[in-house]
Amino acid sequence: MKFGSLPSIWNILSRDERRTARLMCIILTIGVMLEVISFASLLPAISILSEGLMGSNVPVLSSLLRQKDHAFVVAFVIVCLILVFAIKSLYVIWSIWFQREFCRRIEQRLAGSA
């Protein structure tokens, strides 16, 4: 597909579909940010798990978990990672469903008018 055909594709969409397409751009942007956050959380987690809180460069976690034993800190970090990746994965699954429904509705409308 050439980028020159993008305006003609935009003209095929109804007013509501254009609004949904704009919303989908926002949804996809949020999905990208969640991907970045999930992968960016790996390095501090690995640092904490391998070096402990003393070698960590995450001052917020260091101050919160300084009094806890190492087993608690490891469990806390692992649970946090699981939550971050679970939330991100559920959001991505929902956004894929949203995209597919959007495309399905457009296909049905265009097939009915052909």
PDB file of N, CA and C in Angstrom:
ATOM      1  N   MET A   1       0.844  -1.183   0.000  1.00  0.00           N
ATOM      2  CA  MET A   1       0.000   0.000   0.000  1.00  0.00           C
ATOM      3  C   MET A   1       0.882   1.236   0.000  1.00  0.00           C
ATOM      4  N   LYS A   2       0.551   2.147  -0.838  1.00  0.00           N
ATOM      5  CA  LYS A   2       1.277   3.410  -0.903  1.00  0.00           C
ATOM      6  C   LYS A   2       0.662   4.387   0.085  1.00  0.00           C
ATOM      7  N   PHE A   3       1.502   5.314   0.556  1.00  0.00           N
ATOM      8  CA  PHE A   3       0.976   6.306   1.489  1.00  0.00           C
ATOM      9  C   PHE A   3       0.030   7.280   0.798  1.00  0.00           C
ATOM     10  N   GLY A   4       0.119   7.385  -0.511  1.00  0.00           N
ATOM     11  CA  GLY A   4      -0.771   8.271  -1.255  1.00  0.00           C
ATOM     12  C   GLY A   4      -2.213   7.800  -1.219  1.00  0.00           C
ATOM     13  N   SER A   5      -2.421   6.506  -1.004  1.00  0.00           N
ATOM     14  CA  SER A   5      -3.790   5.984  -0.971  1.00  0.00           C
ATOM     15  C   SER A   5      -4.439   6.146   0.401  1.00  0.00           C
ATOM     16  N   LEU A   6      -3.677   6.605   1.391  1.00  0.00           N
ATOM     17  CA  LEU A   6      -4.220   6.772   2.738  1.00  0.00           C
ATOM     18  C   LEU A   6      -5.387   7.759   2.777  1.00  0.00           C
ATOM     19  N   PRO A   7      -5.302   8.924   2.104  1.00  0.00           N
ATOM     20  CA  PRO A   7      -6.472   9.821   2.135  1.00  0.00           C
ATOM     21  C   PRO A   7      -7.715   9.189   1.524  1.00  0.00           C
ATOM     22  N   SER A   8      -7.558   8.384   0.461  1.00  0.00           N
ATOM     23  CA  SER A   8      -8.743   7.762  -0.136  1.00  0.00           C
ATOM     24  C   SER A   8      -9.328   6.694   0.790  1.00  0.00           C
ATOM     25  N   ILE A   9      -8.481   6.000   1.545  1.00  0.00           N
ATOM     26  CA  ILE A   9      -8.981   5.038   2.525  1.00  0.00           C
ATOM     27  C   ILE A   9      -9.734   5.770   3.626  1.00  0.00           C
ATOM     28  N   TRP A  10      -9.216   6.909   4.065  1.00  0.00           N
ATOM     29  CA  TRP A  10      -9.867   7.705   5.097  1.00  0.00           C
ATOM     30  C   TRP A  10     -11.247   8.150   4.637  1.00  0.00           C
ATOM     31  N   ASN A  11     -11.387   8.454   3.336  1.00  0.00           N
ATOM     32  CA  ASN A  11     -12.674   8.910   2.801  1.00  0.00           C
ATOM     33  C   ASN A  11     -13.709   7.793   2.760  1.00  0.00           C
ATOM     34  N   ILE A  12     -13.278   6.532   2.753  1.00  0.00           N
ATOM     35  CA  ILE A  12     -14.212   5.406   2.756  1.00  0.00           C
ATOM     36  C   ILE A  12     -14.913   5.292   4.106  1.00  0.00           C
ATOM     37  N   LEU A  13     -14.228   5.703   5.169  1.00  0.00           N
ATOM     38  CA  LEU A  13     -14.768   5.549   6.512  1.00  0.00           C
ATOM     39  C   LEU A  13     -15.892   6.536   6.775  1.00  0.00           C
ATOM     40  N   SER A  14     -16.867   6.088   7.534  1.00  0.00           N
ATOM     41  CA  SER A  14     -17.948   6.972   7.960  1.00  0.00           C
ATOM     42  C   SER A  14     -17.428   7.879   9.087  1.00  0.00           C
ATOM     43  N   ARG A  15     -18.248   8.807   9.475  1.00  0.00           N
ATOM     44  CA  ARG A  15     -17.856   9.740  10.538  1.00  0.00           C
ATOM     45  C   ARG A  15     -17.549   9.002  11.848  1.00  0.00           C
ATOM     46  N   ASP A  16     -18.419   8.066  12.225  1.00  0.00           N
ATOM     47  CA  ASP A  16     -18.203   7.279  13.446  1.00  0.00           C
ATOM     48  C   ASP A  16     -16.961   6.408  13.331  1.00  0.00           C
ATOM     49  N   GLU A  17     -16.728   5.842  12.148  1.00  0.00           N
ATOM     50  CA  GLU A  17     -15.550   5.005  11.954  1.00  0.00           C
ATOM     51  C   GLU A  17     -14.267   5.820  12.031  1.00  0.00           C
ATOM     52  N   ARG A  18     -14.305   7.044  11.553  1.00  0.00           N
ATOM     53  CA  ARG A  18     -13.129   7.925  11.670  1.00  0.00           C
ATOM     54  C   ARG A  18     -12.835   8.232  13.137  1.00  0.00           C
ATOM     55  N   ARG A  19     -13.894   8.478  13.889  1.00  0.00           N
ATOM     56  CA  ARG A  19     -13.732   8.737  15.320  1.00  0.00           C
ATOM     57  C   ARG A  19     -13.140   7.504  16.015  1.00  0.00           C
ATOM     58  N   THR A  20     -13.632   6.324  15.662  1.00  0.00           N
ATOM     59  CA  THR A  20     -13.106   5.091  16.232  1.00  0.00           C
ATOM     60  C   THR A  20     -11.665   4.860  15.797  1.00  0.00           C
ATOM     61  N   ALA A  21     -11.324   5.228  14.567  1.00  0.00           N
ATOM     62  CA  ALA A  21      -9.946   5.086  14.097  1.00  0.00           C
ATOM     63  C   ALA A  21      -9.000   5.988  14.898  1.00  0.00           C
ATOM     64  N   ARG A  22      -9.459   7.189  15.194  1.00  0.00           N
ATOM     65  CA  ARG A  22      -8.636   8.084  16.043  1.00  0.00           C
ATOM     66  C   ARG A  22      -8.473   7.484  17.438  1.00  0.00           C
ATOM     67  N   LEU A  23      -9.557   6.950  17.977  1.00  0.00           N
ATOM     68  CA  LEU A  23      -9.494   6.297  19.288  1.00  0.00           C
ATOM     69  C   LEU A  23      -8.539   5.117  19.242  1.00  0.00           C
ATOM     70  N   MET A  24      -8.553   4.382  18.144  1.00  0.00           N
ATOM     71  CA  MET A  24      -7.657   3.244  18.017  1.00  0.00           C
ATOM     72  C   MET A  24      -6.193   3.692  18.021  1.00  0.00           C
ATOM     73  N   CYS A  25      -5.903   4.830  17.441  1.00  0.00           N
ATOM     74  CA  CYS A  25      -4.529   5.353  17.486  1.00  0.00           C
ATOM     75  C   CYS A  25      -4.106   5.627  18.929  1.00  0.00           C
ATOM     76  N   ILE A  26      -5.007   6.167  19.722  1.00  0.00           N
ATOM     77  CA  ILE A  26      -4.706   6.417  21.137  1.00  0.00           C
ATOM     78  C   ILE A  26      -4.514   5.094  21.870  1.00  0.00           C
ATOM     79  N   ILE A  27      -5.383   4.129  21.592  1.00  0.00           N
ATOM     80  CA  ILE A  27      -5.278   2.814  22.229  1.00  0.00           C
ATOM     81  C   ILE A  27      -3.947   2.161  21.887  1.00  0.00           C
ATOM     82  N   LEU A  28      -3.534   2.247  20.634  1.00  0.00           N
ATOM     83  CA  LEU A  28      -2.257   1.657  20.219  1.00  0.00           C
ATOM     84  C   LEU A  28      -1.074   2.381  20.848  1.00  0.00           C
ATOM     85  N   THR A  29      -1.176   3.689  21.005  1.00  0.00           N
ATOM     86  CA  THR A  29      -0.106   4.450  21.656  1.00  0.00           C
ATOM     87  C   THR A  29       0.033   4.031  23.115  1.00  0.00           C
ATOM     88  N   ILE A  30      -1.072   3.859  23.798  1.00  0.00           N
ATOM     89  CA  ILE A  30      -1.033   3.386  25.183  1.00  0.00           C
ATOM     90  C   ILE A  30      -0.414   1.991  25.241  1.00  0.00           C
ATOM     91  N   GLY A  31      -0.761   1.139  24.276  1.00  0.00           N
ATOM     92  CA  GLY A  31      -0.180  -0.197  24.215  1.00  0.00           C
ATOM     93  C   GLY A  31       1.334  -0.163  24.047  1.00  0.00           C
ATOM     94  N   VAL A  32       1.808   0.741  23.213  1.00  0.00           N
ATOM     95  CA  VAL A  32       3.260   0.888  23.023  1.00  0.00           C
ATOM     96  C   VAL A  32       3.913   1.344  24.319  1.00  0.00           C
ATOM     97  N   MET A  33       3.285   2.288  25.010  1.00  0.00           N
ATOM     98  CA  MET A  33       3.847   2.753  26.281  1.00  0.00           C
ATOM     99  C   MET A  33       3.891   1.633  27.312  1.00  0.00           C
ATOM    100  N   LEU A  34       2.853   0.802  27.355  1.00  0.00           N
ATOM    101  CA  LEU A  34       2.849  -0.336  28.281  1.00  0.00           C
ATOM    102  C   LEU A  34       3.946  -1.338  27.926  1.00  0.00           C
ATOM    103  N   GLU A  35       4.188  -1.537  26.639  1.00  0.00           N
ATOM    104  CA  GLU A  35       5.284  -2.417  26.220  1.00  0.00           C
ATOM    105  C   GLU A  35       6.625  -1.873  26.708  1.00  0.00           C
ATOM    106  N   VAL A  36       6.829  -0.581  26.533  1.00  0.00           N
ATOM    107  CA  VAL A  36       8.089   0.042  26.964  1.00  0.00           C
ATOM    108  C   VAL A  36       8.246  -0.067  28.476  1.00  0.00           C
ATOM    109  N   ILE A  37       7.181   0.209  29.211  1.00  0.00           N
ATOM    110  CA  ILE A  37       7.244   0.125  30.676  1.00  0.00           C
ATOM    111  C   ILE A  37       7.549  -1.303  31.119  1.00  0.00           C
ATOM    112  N   SER A  38       6.914  -2.281  30.479  1.00  0.00           N
ATOM    113  CA  SER A  38       7.136  -3.663  30.897  1.00  0.00           C
ATOM    114  C   SER A  38       8.572  -4.095  30.639  1.00  0.00           C
ATOM    115  N   PHE A  39       9.116  -3.732  29.496  1.00  0.00           N
ATOM    116  CA  PHE A  39      10.496  -4.118  29.225  1.00  0.00           C
ATOM    117  C   PHE A  39      11.485  -3.281  30.025  1.00  0.00           C
ATOM    118  N   ALA A  40      11.152  -2.024  30.282  1.00  0.00           N
ATOM    119  CA  ALA A  40      12.039  -1.175  31.082  1.00  0.00           C
ATOM    120  C   ALA A  40      12.075  -1.629  32.538  1.00  0.00           C
ATOM    121  N   SER A  41      11.053  -2.326  32.994  1.00  0.00           N
ATOM    122  CA  SER A  41      11.032  -2.791  34.382  1.00  0.00           C
ATOM    123  C   SER A  41      11.931  -4.009  34.587  1.00  0.00           C
ATOM    124  N   LEU A  42      12.346  -4.632  33.503  1.00  0.00           N
ATOM    125  CA  LEU A  42      13.171  -5.834  33.635  1.00  0.00           C
ATOM    126  C   LEU A  42      14.564  -5.532  34.193  1.00  0.00           C
ATOM    127  N   LEU A  43      15.204  -4.492  33.717  1.00  0.00           N
ATOM    128  CA  LEU A  43      16.577  -4.208  34.151  1.00  0.00           C
ATOM    129  C   LEU A  43      16.670  -3.894  35.643  1.00  0.00           C
ATOM    130  N   PRO A  44      15.841  -3.006  36.188  1.00  0.00           N
ATOM    131  CA  PRO A  44      15.902  -2.796  37.637  1.00  0.00           C
ATOM    132  C   PRO A  44      15.571  -4.065  38.435  1.00  0.00           C
ATOM    133  N   ALA A  45      14.621  -4.857  37.920  1.00  0.00           N
ATOM    134  CA  ALA A  45      14.262  -6.093  38.624  1.00  0.00           C
ATOM    135  C   ALA A  45      15.435  -7.064  38.629  1.00  0.00           C
ATOM    136  N   ILE A  46      16.089  -7.217  37.510  1.00  0.00           N
ATOM    137  CA  ILE A  46      17.248  -8.108  37.447  1.00  0.00           C
ATOM    138  C   ILE A  46      18.356  -7.590  38.347  1.00  0.00           C
ATOM    139  N   SER A  47      18.532  -6.287  38.382  1.00  0.00           N
ATOM    140  CA  SER A  47      19.548  -5.693  39.252  1.00  0.00           C
ATOM    141  C   SER A  47      19.252  -5.987  40.716  1.00  0.00           C
ATOM    142  N   ILE A  48      18.009  -5.826  41.118  1.00  0.00           N
ATOM    143  CA  ILE A  48      17.627  -6.079  42.513  1.00  0.00           C
ATOM    144  C   ILE A  48      17.762  -7.562  42.839  1.00  0.00           C
ATOM    145  N   LEU A  49      17.340  -8.417  41.921  1.00  0.00           N
ATOM    146  CA  LEU A  49      17.403  -9.854  42.179  1.00  0.00           C
ATOM    147  C   LEU A  49      18.840 -10.367  42.241  1.00  0.00           C
ATOM    148  N   SER A  50      19.725  -9.798  41.445  1.00  0.00           N
ATOM    149  CA  SER A  50      21.095 -10.300  41.425  1.00  0.00           C
ATOM    150  C   SER A  50      21.982  -9.651  42.474  1.00  0.00           C
ATOM    151  N   GLU A  51      21.825  -8.362  42.706  1.00  0.00           N
ATOM    152  CA  GLU A  51      22.706  -7.638  43.623  1.00  0.00           C
ATOM    153  C   GLU A  51      22.061  -7.305  44.954  1.00  0.00           C
ATOM    154  N   GLY A  52      20.767  -7.481  45.054  1.00  0.00           N
ATOM    155  CA  GLY A  52      20.067  -7.093  46.271  1.00  0.00           C
ATOM    156  C   GLY A  52      19.807  -5.598  46.266  1.00  0.00           C
ATOM    157  N   LEU A  53      19.206  -5.115  47.315  1.00  0.00           N
ATOM    158  CA  LEU A  53      18.865  -3.694  47.392  1.00  0.00           C
ATOM    159  C   LEU A  53      20.085  -2.796  47.552  1.00  0.00           C
ATOM    160  N   MET A  54      21.177  -3.311  48.094  1.00  0.00           N
ATOM    161  CA  MET A  54      22.350  -2.465  48.312  1.00  0.00           C
ATOM    162  C   MET A  54      22.965  -2.018  46.988  1.00  0.00           C
ATOM    163  N   GLY A  55      22.969  -2.911  46.001  1.00  0.00           N
ATOM    164  CA  GLY A  55      23.532  -2.556  44.706  1.00  0.00           C
ATOM    165  C   GLY A  55      22.513  -1.945  43.771  1.00  0.00           C
ATOM    166  N   SER A  56      21.304  -1.788  44.229  1.00  0.00           N
ATOM    167  CA  SER A  56      20.236  -1.297  43.378  1.00  0.00           C
ATOM    168  C   SER A  56      20.319   0.209  43.209  1.00  0.00           C
ATOM    169  N   ASN A  57      19.950   0.650  42.020  1.00  0.00           N
ATOM    170  CA  ASN A  57      19.870   2.079  41.756  1.00  0.00           C
ATOM    171  C   ASN A  57      18.408   2.529  41.674  1.00  0.00           C
ATOM    172  N   VAL A  58      17.542   1.852  42.401  1.00  0.00           N
ATOM    173  CA  VAL A  58      16.126   2.204  42.468  1.00  0.00           C
ATOM    174  C   VAL A  58      15.851   2.710  43.884  1.00  0.00           C
ATOM    175  N   PRO A  59      16.021   4.012  44.116  1.00  0.00           N
ATOM    176  CA  PRO A  59      15.908   4.539  45.479  1.00  0.00           C
ATOM    177  C   PRO A  59      14.536   4.358  46.115  1.00  0.00           C
ATOM    178  N   VAL A  60      13.475   4.378  45.325  1.00  0.00           N
ATOM    179  CA  VAL A  60      12.134   4.226  45.894  1.00  0.00           C
ATOM    180  C   VAL A  60      11.985   2.833  46.506  1.00  0.00           C
ATOM    181  N   LEU A  61      12.396   1.813  45.757  1.00  0.00           N
ATOM    182  CA  LEU A  61      12.313   0.455  46.297  1.00  0.00           C
ATOM    183  C   LEU A  61      13.265   0.258  47.460  1.00  0.00           C
ATOM    184  N   SER A  62      14.442   0.843  47.360  1.00  0.00           N
ATOM    185  CA  SER A  62      15.417   0.692  48.446  1.00  0.00           C
ATOM    186  C   SER A  62      14.870   1.237  49.750  1.00  0.00           C
ATOM    187  N   SER A  63      14.227   2.403  49.691  1.00  0.00           N
ATOM    188  CA  SER A  63      13.704   2.993  50.927  1.00  0.00           C
ATOM    189  C   SER A  63      12.496   2.213  51.452  1.00  0.00           C
ATOM    190  N   LEU A  64      11.682   1.667  50.560  1.00  0.00           N
ATOM    191  CA  LEU A  64      10.499   0.925  51.000  1.00  0.00           C
ATOM    192  C   LEU A  64      10.847  -0.456  51.548  1.00  0.00           C
ATOM    193  N   LEU A  65      11.835  -1.117  50.971  1.00  0.00           N
ATOM    194  CA  LEU A  65      12.100  -2.513  51.303  1.00  0.00           C
ATOM    195  C   LEU A  65      13.393  -2.720  52.090  1.00  0.00           C
ATOM    196  N   ARG A  66      13.985  -1.637  52.591  1.00  0.00           N
ATOM    197  CA  ARG A  66      15.271  -1.748  53.268  1.00  0.00           C
ATOM    198  C   ARG A  66      15.206  -2.653  54.506  1.00  0.00           C
ATOM    199  N   GLN A  67      14.100  -2.637  55.217  1.00  0.00           N
ATOM    200  CA  GLN A  67      13.988  -3.406  56.456  1.00  0.00           C
ATOM    201  C   GLN A  67      13.582  -4.867  56.225  1.00  0.00           C
ATOM    202  N   LYS A  68      13.254  -5.224  54.989  1.00  0.00           N
ATOM    203  CA  LYS A  68      12.755  -6.572  54.693  1.00  0.00           C
ATOM    204  C   LYS A  68      13.921  -7.515  54.388  1.00  0.00           C
ATOM    205  N   ASP A  69      13.671  -8.816  54.565  1.00  0.00           N
ATOM    206  CA  ASP A  69      14.709  -9.794  54.242  1.00  0.00           C
ATOM    207  C   ASP A  69      14.744 -10.045  52.732  1.00  0.00           C
ATOM    208  N   HIS A  70      15.806 -10.682  52.274  1.00  0.00           N
ATOM    209  CA  HIS A  70      16.037 -10.851  50.845  1.00  0.00           C
ATOM    210  C   HIS A  70      14.946 -11.696  50.186  1.00  0.00           C
ATOM    211  N   ALA A  71      14.435 -12.698  50.851  1.00  0.00           N
ATOM    212  CA  ALA A  71      13.387 -13.550  50.282  1.00  0.00           C
ATOM    213  C   ALA A  71      12.118 -12.750  50.009  1.00  0.00           C
ATOM    214  N   PHE A  72      11.769 -11.847  50.931  1.00  0.00           N
ATOM    215  CA  PHE A  72      10.599 -11.001  50.731  1.00  0.00           C
ATOM    216  C   PHE A  72      10.798 -10.075  49.542  1.00  0.00           C
ATOM    217  N   VAL A  73      11.980  -9.490  49.434  1.00  0.00           N
ATOM    218  CA  VAL A  73      12.271  -8.566  48.336  1.00  0.00           C
ATOM    219  C   VAL A  73      12.187  -9.301  47.000  1.00  0.00           C
ATOM    220  N   VAL A  74      12.760 -10.499  46.935  1.00  0.00           N
ATOM    221  CA  VAL A  74      12.709 -11.285  45.698  1.00  0.00           C
ATOM    222  C   VAL A  74      11.260 -11.600  45.331  1.00  0.00           C
ATOM    223  N   ALA A  75      10.468 -12.037  46.281  1.00  0.00           N
ATOM    224  CA  ALA A  75       9.060 -12.351  46.027  1.00  0.00           C
ATOM    225  C   ALA A  75       8.305 -11.103  45.585  1.00  0.00           C
ATOM    226  N   PHE A  76       8.564  -9.972  46.244  1.00  0.00           N
ATOM    227  CA  PHE A  76       7.904  -8.713  45.903  1.00  0.00           C
ATOM    228  C   PHE A  76       8.225  -8.302  44.472  1.00  0.00           C
ATOM    229  N   VAL A  77       9.485  -8.380  44.094  1.00  0.00           N
ATOM    230  CA  VAL A  77       9.904  -7.988  42.745  1.00  0.00           C
ATOM    231  C   VAL A  77       9.285  -8.910  41.701  1.00  0.00           C
ATOM    232  N   ILE A  78       9.270 -10.201  41.977  1.00  0.00           N
ATOM    233  CA  ILE A  78       8.695 -11.154  41.024  1.00  0.00           C
ATOM    234  C   ILE A  78       7.198 -10.929  40.873  1.00  0.00           C
ATOM    235  N   VAL A  79       6.504 -10.698  41.966  1.00  0.00           N
ATOM    236  CA  VAL A  79       5.060 -10.429  41.894  1.00  0.00           C
ATOM    237  C   VAL A  79       4.796  -9.144  41.113  1.00  0.00           C
ATOM    238  N   CYS A  80       5.604  -8.121  41.348  1.00  0.00           N
ATOM    239  CA  CYS A  80       5.439  -6.869  40.602  1.00  0.00           C
ATOM    240  C   CYS A  80       5.654  -7.081  39.107  1.00  0.00           C
ATOM    241  N   LEU A  81       6.668  -7.845  38.743  1.00  0.00           N
ATOM    242  CA  LEU A  81       6.916  -8.134  37.326  1.00  0.00           C
ATOM    243  C   LEU A  81       5.752  -8.902  36.708  1.00  0.00           C
ATOM    244  N   ILE A  82       5.251  -9.882  37.438  1.00  0.00           N
ATOM    245  CA  ILE A  82       4.119 -10.655  36.931  1.00  0.00           C
ATOM    246  C   ILE A  82       2.911  -9.749  36.728  1.00  0.00           C
ATOM    247  N   LEU A  83       2.645  -8.852  37.669  1.00  0.00           N
ATOM    248  CA  LEU A  83       1.515  -7.926  37.533  1.00  0.00           C
ATOM    249  C   LEU A  83       1.683  -6.997  36.343  1.00  0.00           C
ATOM    250  N   VAL A  84       2.881  -6.440  36.183  1.00  0.00           N
ATOM    251  CA  VAL A  84       3.130  -5.525  35.071  1.00  0.00           C
ATOM    252  C   VAL A  84       2.904  -6.235  33.739  1.00  0.00           C
ATOM    253  N   PHE A  85       3.478  -7.429  33.590  1.00  0.00           N
ATOM    254  CA  PHE A  85       3.331  -8.152  32.332  1.00  0.00           C
ATOM    255  C   PHE A  85       1.908  -8.669  32.134  1.00  0.00           C
ATOM    256  N   ALA A  86       1.216  -9.030  33.192  1.00  0.00           N
ATOM    257  CA  ALA A  86      -0.170  -9.488  33.066  1.00  0.00           C
ATOM    258  C   ALA A  86      -1.082  -8.343  32.625  1.00  0.00           C
ATOM    259  N   ILE A  87      -0.919  -7.188  33.242  1.00  0.00           N
ATOM    260  CA  ILE A  87      -1.733  -6.027  32.858  1.00  0.00           C
ATOM    261  C   ILE A  87      -1.458  -5.642  31.420  1.00  0.00           C
ATOM    262  N   LYS A  88      -0.183  -5.616  31.043  1.00  0.00           N
ATOM    263  CA  LYS A  88       0.183  -5.285  29.669  1.00  0.00           C
ATOM    264  C   LYS A  88      -0.405  -6.301  28.704  1.00  0.00           C
ATOM    265  N   SER A  89      -0.323  -7.573  29.029  1.00  0.00           N
ATOM    266  CA  SER A  89      -0.828  -8.616  28.140  1.00  0.00           C
ATOM    267  C   SER A  89      -2.346  -8.547  27.994  1.00  0.00           C
ATOM    268  N   LEU A  90      -3.051  -8.323  29.081  1.00  0.00           N
ATOM    269  CA  LEU A  90      -4.508  -8.187  29.001  1.00  0.00           C
ATOM    270  C   LEU A  90      -4.896  -6.979  28.158  1.00  0.00           C
ATOM    271  N   TYR A  91      -4.176  -5.892  28.301  1.00  0.00           N
ATOM    272  CA  TYR A  91      -4.460  -4.695  27.508  1.00  0.00           C
ATOM    273  C   TYR A  91      -4.217  -4.971  26.024  1.00  0.00           C
ATOM    274  N   VAL A  92      -3.119  -5.652  25.717  1.00  0.00           N
ATOM    275  CA  VAL A  92      -2.812  -5.964  24.319  1.00  0.00           C
ATOM    276  C   VAL A  92      -3.874  -6.897  23.735  1.00  0.00           C
ATOM    277  N   ILE A  93      -4.299  -7.885  24.497  1.00  0.00           N
ATOM    278  CA  ILE A  93      -5.355  -8.782  24.024  1.00  0.00           C
ATOM    279  C   ILE A  93      -6.626  -7.998  23.742  1.00  0.00           C
ATOM    280  N   TRP A  94      -6.997  -7.115  24.661  1.00  0.00           N
ATOM    281  CA  TRP A  94      -8.191  -6.291  24.455  1.00  0.00           C
ATOM    282  C   TRP A  94      -8.033  -5.388  23.237  1.00  0.00           C
ATOM    283  N   SER A  95      -6.864  -4.777  23.061  1.00  0.00           N
ATOM    284  CA  SER A  95      -6.682  -3.864  21.925  1.00  0.00           C
ATOM    285  C   SER A  95      -6.723  -4.607  20.593  1.00  0.00           C
ATOM    286  N   ILE A  96      -6.213  -5.835  20.557  1.00  0.00           N
ATOM    287  CA  ILE A  96      -6.306  -6.636  19.331  1.00  0.00           C
ATOM    288  C   ILE A  96      -7.771  -6.970  19.039  1.00  0.00           C
ATOM    289  N   TRP A  97      -8.522  -7.324  20.066  1.00  0.00           N
ATOM    290  CA  TRP A  97      -9.948  -7.590  19.886  1.00  0.00           C
ATOM    291  C   TRP A  97     -10.658  -6.347  19.354  1.00  0.00           C
ATOM    292  N   PHE A  98     -10.339  -5.181  19.928  1.00  0.00           N
ATOM    293  CA  PHE A  98     -10.950  -3.922  19.508  1.00  0.00           C
ATOM    294  C   PHE A  98     -10.645  -3.649  18.038  1.00  0.00           C
ATOM    295  N   GLN A  99      -9.407  -3.838  17.619  1.00  0.00           N
ATOM    296  CA  GLN A  99      -9.017  -3.627  16.225  1.00  0.00           C
ATOM    297  C   GLN A  99      -9.767  -4.577  15.289  1.00  0.00           C
ATOM    298  N   ARG A 100      -9.846  -5.838  15.683  1.00  0.00           N
ATOM    299  CA  ARG A 100     -10.520  -6.826  14.836  1.00  0.00           C
ATOM    300  C   ARG A 100     -12.007  -6.511  14.698  1.00  0.00           C
ATOM    301  N   GLU A 101     -12.636  -6.099  15.781  1.00  0.00           N
ATOM    302  CA  GLU A 101     -14.050  -5.731  15.712  1.00  0.00           C
ATOM    303  C   GLU A 101     -14.255  -4.510  14.818  1.00  0.00           C
ATOM    304  N   PHE A 102     -13.381  -3.546  14.921  1.00  0.00           N
ATOM    305  CA  PHE A 102     -13.443  -2.347  14.089  1.00  0.00           C
ATOM    306  C   PHE A 102     -13.337  -2.730  12.614  1.00  0.00           C
ATOM    307  N   CYS A 103     -12.355  -3.551  12.288  1.00  0.00           N
ATOM    308  CA  CYS A 103     -12.165  -3.982  10.899  1.00  0.00           C
ATOM    309  C   CYS A 103     -13.339  -4.835  10.419  1.00  0.00           C
ATOM    310  N   ARG A 104     -13.854  -5.691  11.280  1.00  0.00           N
ATOM    311  CA  ARG A 104     -14.984  -6.540  10.916  1.00  0.00           C
ATOM    312  C   ARG A 104     -16.216  -5.708  10.582  1.00  0.00           C
ATOM    313  N   ARG A 105     -16.484  -4.690  11.386  1.00  0.00           N
ATOM    314  CA  ARG A 105     -17.645  -3.827  11.128  1.00  0.00           C
ATOM    315  C   ARG A 105     -17.501  -3.092   9.800  1.00  0.00           C
ATOM    316  N   ILE A 106     -16.298  -2.615   9.505  1.00  0.00           N
ATOM    317  CA  ILE A 106     -16.073  -1.922   8.235  1.00  0.00           C
ATOM    318  C   ILE A 106     -16.238  -2.892   7.068  1.00  0.00           C
ATOM    319  N   GLU A 107     -15.684  -4.098   7.215  1.00  0.00           N
ATOM    320  CA  GLU A 107     -15.822  -5.091   6.152  1.00  0.00           C
ATOM    321  C   GLU A 107     -17.287  -5.432   5.897  1.00  0.00           C
ATOM    322  N   GLN A 108     -18.052  -5.597   6.967  1.00  0.00           N
ATOM    323  CA  GLN A 108     -19.473  -5.910   6.817  1.00  0.00           C
ATOM    324  C   GLN A 108     -20.214  -4.768   6.117  1.00  0.00           C
ATOM    325  N   ARG A 109     -19.906  -3.556   6.502  1.00  0.00           N
ATOM    326  CA  ARG A 109     -20.579  -2.411   5.871  1.00  0.00           C
ATOM    327  C   ARG A 109     -20.217  -2.317   4.401  1.00  0.00           C
ATOM    328  N   LEU A 110     -18.936  -2.494   4.080  1.00  0.00           N
ATOM    329  CA  LEU A 110     -18.523  -2.392   2.682  1.00  0.00           C
ATOM    330  C   LEU A 110     -19.043  -3.555   1.842  1.00  0.00           C
ATOM    331  N   ALA A 111     -19.092  -4.742   2.436  1.00  0.00           N
ATOM    332  CA  ALA A 111     -19.616  -5.903   1.709  1.00  0.00           C
ATOM    333  C   ALA A 111     -21.105  -5.760   1.436  1.00  0.00           C
ATOM    334  N   GLY A 112     -21.805  -5.131   2.358  1.00  0.00           N
ATOM    335  CA  GLY A 112     -23.243  -4.916   2.170  1.00  0.00           C
ATOM    336  C   GLY A 112     -23.538  -3.873   1.122  1.00  0.00           C
ATOM    337  N   SER A 113     -22.618  -2.939   0.903  1.00  0.00           N
ATOM    338  CA  SER A 113     -22.865  -1.875  -0.057  1.00  0.00           C
ATOM    339  C   SER A 113     -22.313  -2.225  -1.437  1.00  0.00           C
ATOM    340  N   ALA A 114     -21.623  -3.372  -1.564  1.00  0.00           N
ATOM    341  CA  ALA A 114     -21.022  -3.718  -2.862  1.00  0.00           C
ATOM    342  C   ALA A 114     -22.040  -4.305  -3.811  1.00  0.00           C
TER     343      ALA A 114
END
